[in-house]
Protein backbone atom coordinates (compact mmCIF):
# COMPACT_ATOMS: atom_id res chain seq x y z
CA MET A 1 -62.24 -141.08 104.05
CA LYS A 2 -61.40 -144.60 105.17
CA ARG A 3 -58.58 -146.10 103.34
CA LYS A 4 -58.79 -149.73 101.84
CA ALA A 5 -56.25 -151.98 103.32
CA ALA A 6 -53.18 -152.76 101.61
CA LYS A 7 -53.04 -156.21 99.97
CA SER A 8 -50.20 -159.01 100.73
CA PRO A 9 -49.34 -161.60 98.57
CA LYS A 10 -50.78 -164.77 99.60
CA VAL A 11 -47.87 -167.33 99.06
CA SER A 12 -46.63 -170.02 100.98
CA PRO A 13 -42.68 -169.31 101.44
CA ILE A 14 -42.07 -173.31 100.75
CA ASN A 15 -43.06 -173.78 97.37
CA ALA A 16 -42.52 -177.50 96.29
CA ASN A 17 -42.76 -176.73 92.96
CA PHE A 18 -39.58 -174.58 92.47
CA ALA A 19 -38.87 -175.76 89.05
CA VAL A 20 -36.02 -174.25 86.73
CA GLU A 21 -36.16 -174.84 82.98
CA TRP A 22 -33.11 -173.53 80.81
CA TRP A 23 -34.71 -171.23 78.02
CA ASP A 24 -32.99 -169.39 75.17
CA ILE A 25 -31.56 -166.45 76.62
CA GLU A 26 -33.64 -164.25 74.46
CA ARG A 27 -36.62 -165.82 75.65
CA PRO A 28 -37.03 -164.08 78.86
CA GLN A 29 -38.78 -160.31 78.52
CA ASP A 30 -37.17 -157.14 80.07
CA TYR A 31 -39.82 -155.38 82.46
CA PRO A 32 -40.06 -151.96 80.65
CA LEU A 33 -40.56 -150.34 84.00
CA ASN A 34 -37.65 -152.02 85.85
CA ALA A 35 -36.51 -149.00 88.30
CA ARG A 36 -33.01 -150.76 89.05
CA LYS A 37 -30.33 -149.71 86.80
CA TRP A 38 -26.64 -150.56 87.04
CA LYS A 39 -23.19 -149.41 85.51
CA PRO A 40 -21.51 -151.38 82.78
CA GLU A 41 -19.03 -152.29 85.28
CA ALA A 42 -21.64 -154.28 87.03
CA VAL A 43 -22.23 -156.26 83.92
CA VAL A 44 -18.80 -157.29 83.27
CA LYS A 45 -18.72 -158.62 87.17
CA VAL A 46 -21.63 -160.84 86.66
CA ALA A 47 -20.30 -162.38 83.56
CA ALA A 48 -17.07 -162.94 85.15
CA SER A 49 -18.85 -164.43 88.21
CA ILE A 50 -21.00 -166.68 85.83
CA LYS A 51 -17.87 -167.77 84.14
CA ALA A 52 -16.18 -168.50 87.28
CA TYR A 53 -18.67 -169.97 89.25
CA GLY A 54 -21.62 -171.13 86.95
CA TRP A 55 -25.03 -170.22 87.08
CA ARG A 56 -26.21 -170.38 90.95
CA GLN A 57 -29.33 -168.06 90.79
CA PRO A 58 -32.24 -168.24 88.11
CA ILE A 59 -33.79 -165.44 86.35
CA VAL A 60 -37.30 -165.40 87.73
CA VAL A 61 -39.77 -164.18 85.20
CA ASP A 62 -43.69 -164.17 85.57
CA GLY A 63 -46.51 -166.29 84.04
CA ALA A 64 -45.95 -164.05 80.81
CA GLY A 65 -42.39 -164.65 80.74
CA VAL A 66 -41.48 -161.23 81.94
CA ILE A 67 -38.18 -160.65 83.98
CA VAL A 68 -39.20 -160.45 87.75
CA ILE A 69 -35.60 -160.94 89.28
CA GLY A 70 -32.69 -161.48 87.01
CA HIS A 71 -32.06 -158.55 84.11
CA LEU A 72 -28.58 -158.23 85.51
CA ARG A 73 -28.00 -161.81 85.33
CA ARG A 74 -28.98 -162.00 81.90
CA GLN A 75 -27.04 -159.03 80.65
CA GLY A 76 -23.99 -160.78 82.20
CA ALA A 77 -24.86 -163.72 80.47
CA ARG A 78 -25.17 -162.08 76.97
CA LEU A 79 -21.56 -160.45 77.86
CA ALA A 80 -20.22 -164.06 78.66
CA GLY A 81 -21.62 -165.38 75.52
CA LEU A 82 -24.45 -167.56 76.95
CA THR A 83 -27.15 -168.61 74.58
CA GLN A 84 -29.18 -170.52 77.28
CA VAL A 85 -30.22 -169.19 80.98
CA PRO A 86 -31.94 -171.35 83.80
CA VAL A 87 -35.50 -169.61 84.27
CA HIS A 88 -38.01 -170.30 87.49
CA VAL A 89 -41.33 -169.35 86.01
CA ALA A 90 -43.43 -167.85 89.32
CA ALA A 91 -46.67 -168.49 87.98
CA ASP A 92 -47.71 -168.75 91.43
CA LEU A 93 -47.55 -165.09 92.07
CA SER A 94 -50.57 -162.51 91.24
CA PRO A 95 -49.36 -159.47 88.86
CA GLU A 96 -49.20 -157.17 91.85
CA ALA A 97 -47.02 -159.84 93.82
CA VAL A 98 -44.74 -160.01 90.96
CA ARG A 99 -44.34 -155.73 90.86
CA GLY A 100 -43.84 -156.10 94.69
CA LEU A 101 -41.28 -158.94 94.57
CA ARG A 102 -39.37 -157.23 91.50
CA LEU A 103 -38.68 -154.03 93.96
CA ALA A 104 -38.00 -155.92 97.25
CA ASP A 105 -35.36 -157.88 95.52
CA ASN A 106 -33.80 -155.01 93.64
CA ARG A 107 -34.36 -152.85 97.48
CA THR A 108 -33.25 -155.60 100.11
CA HIS A 109 -29.81 -155.92 99.51
CA ASP A 110 -29.50 -152.02 100.42
CA GLU A 111 -30.24 -152.85 104.36
CA ALA A 112 -27.06 -154.81 104.10
CA GLU A 113 -23.68 -153.95 105.07
CA TRP A 114 -20.23 -154.98 105.24
CA ASP A 115 -17.99 -156.08 108.59
CA THR A 116 -15.05 -154.90 107.60
CA ASP A 117 -12.84 -156.95 109.72
CA LEU A 118 -14.57 -160.10 108.58
CA LEU A 119 -14.30 -159.07 105.41
CA ALA A 120 -10.66 -158.09 105.10
CA ARG A 121 -10.31 -161.42 106.88
CA GLU A 122 -11.58 -163.27 104.28
CA PHE A 123 -9.91 -161.42 101.56
CA GLY A 124 -6.51 -162.32 103.76
CA GLU A 125 -7.78 -166.13 104.09
CA LEU A 126 -8.41 -166.58 100.39
CA LYS A 127 -5.44 -164.66 99.41
CA ALA A 128 -3.14 -166.67 101.68
CA LEU A 129 -4.73 -169.96 99.58
CA ASP A 130 -3.74 -168.18 96.25
CA PHE A 131 -7.17 -167.60 95.33
CA ASP A 132 -7.18 -164.93 92.65
CA LEU A 133 -9.13 -162.03 94.64
CA LYS A 134 -10.41 -160.30 91.15
CA ALA A 135 -13.02 -163.45 91.13
CA THR A 136 -14.87 -162.09 94.26
CA ALA A 137 -16.08 -159.09 92.26
CA PHE A 138 -14.25 -156.61 94.37
CA ASP A 139 -11.94 -154.29 92.72
CA LEU A 140 -8.32 -154.73 93.89
CA THR A 141 -8.25 -151.01 95.41
CA GLN A 142 -11.42 -151.86 97.33
CA VAL A 143 -9.23 -155.22 98.59
CA ASP A 144 -6.26 -152.95 99.49
CA ALA A 145 -8.38 -150.58 101.76
CA TYR A 146 -10.12 -153.17 103.75
CA PHE A 147 -6.46 -154.99 104.12
CA ARG A 148 -5.50 -151.21 105.63
CA GLY A 149 -7.94 -151.36 108.05
CA ALA A 150 -7.93 -155.10 108.96
CA ASN A 151 -7.58 -156.71 111.88
CA PHE A 152 -7.03 -160.21 111.41
CA GLN A 153 -7.06 -161.53 115.08
CA PRO A 154 -8.66 -164.98 114.91
CA ALA A 155 -11.82 -165.98 116.88
CA THR A 156 -10.76 -169.52 118.67
CA GLU A 157 -7.50 -171.08 119.80
CA GLU A 158 -8.71 -173.66 116.99
CA GLU A 159 -8.71 -171.09 114.30
CA GLN A 160 -5.44 -169.74 115.68
CA GLY A 161 -3.59 -173.14 114.87
CA ARG A 162 -5.22 -172.97 111.62
CA LEU A 163 -4.26 -169.80 110.84
CA ASP A 164 -0.61 -169.90 112.14
CA GLN A 165 0.17 -172.45 109.46
CA LYS A 166 -0.85 -169.33 106.60
CA LYS A 167 1.80 -167.20 105.15
CA PRO A 168 2.08 -163.49 105.57
CA ILE A 169 0.34 -161.17 103.17
CA THR A 170 1.94 -157.71 102.19
CA CYS A 171 -0.75 -155.30 101.11
CA PRO A 172 0.30 -154.11 97.38
CA SER A 173 -0.46 -150.46 98.28
CA CYS A 174 1.02 -149.89 101.42
CA LYS A 175 3.20 -152.90 101.64
CA HIS A 176 2.21 -153.37 105.15
CA VAL A 177 2.51 -157.15 106.30
CA PHE A 178 -0.69 -158.90 107.47
CA THR A 179 -0.47 -162.31 109.35
CA PRO A 180 -3.56 -163.92 108.76
């Protein structure tokens, strides 16, 4: 038996009508079959991120107001005590495309991994600027672990001059002194 060809969404990657509206926080509806689950700590971290940096990504809903992307963001906003959320209505997507996007958005970040040397370097530079590393959503024990394996060698001579002006950093766990 011959299989039917799979449908692919027919949507332009450039959407000139990418509008964002402010909705009451309870207006978007949860998708009851949302397969992505999270721990309570994730909600706390998202709430802290929204408080620290404001909204930078809207919740995306379909034409019926059902959440496609942003279940966790809305939970974080609730915890942060917000009453409104930014929403983009993806009215141009078919029901099949909405379901595909919901899965893709929840899955694609799993394909990424951290460059631990660059991550440790970023933490080191932020720490040298007296930035509160808790605002990165990393647990401080994770940050300490990256510092232990860090290689803070700058990539260019120009960067070396800038980094030479930074103060040394002492790892709170192992007391090793790093010079960013």
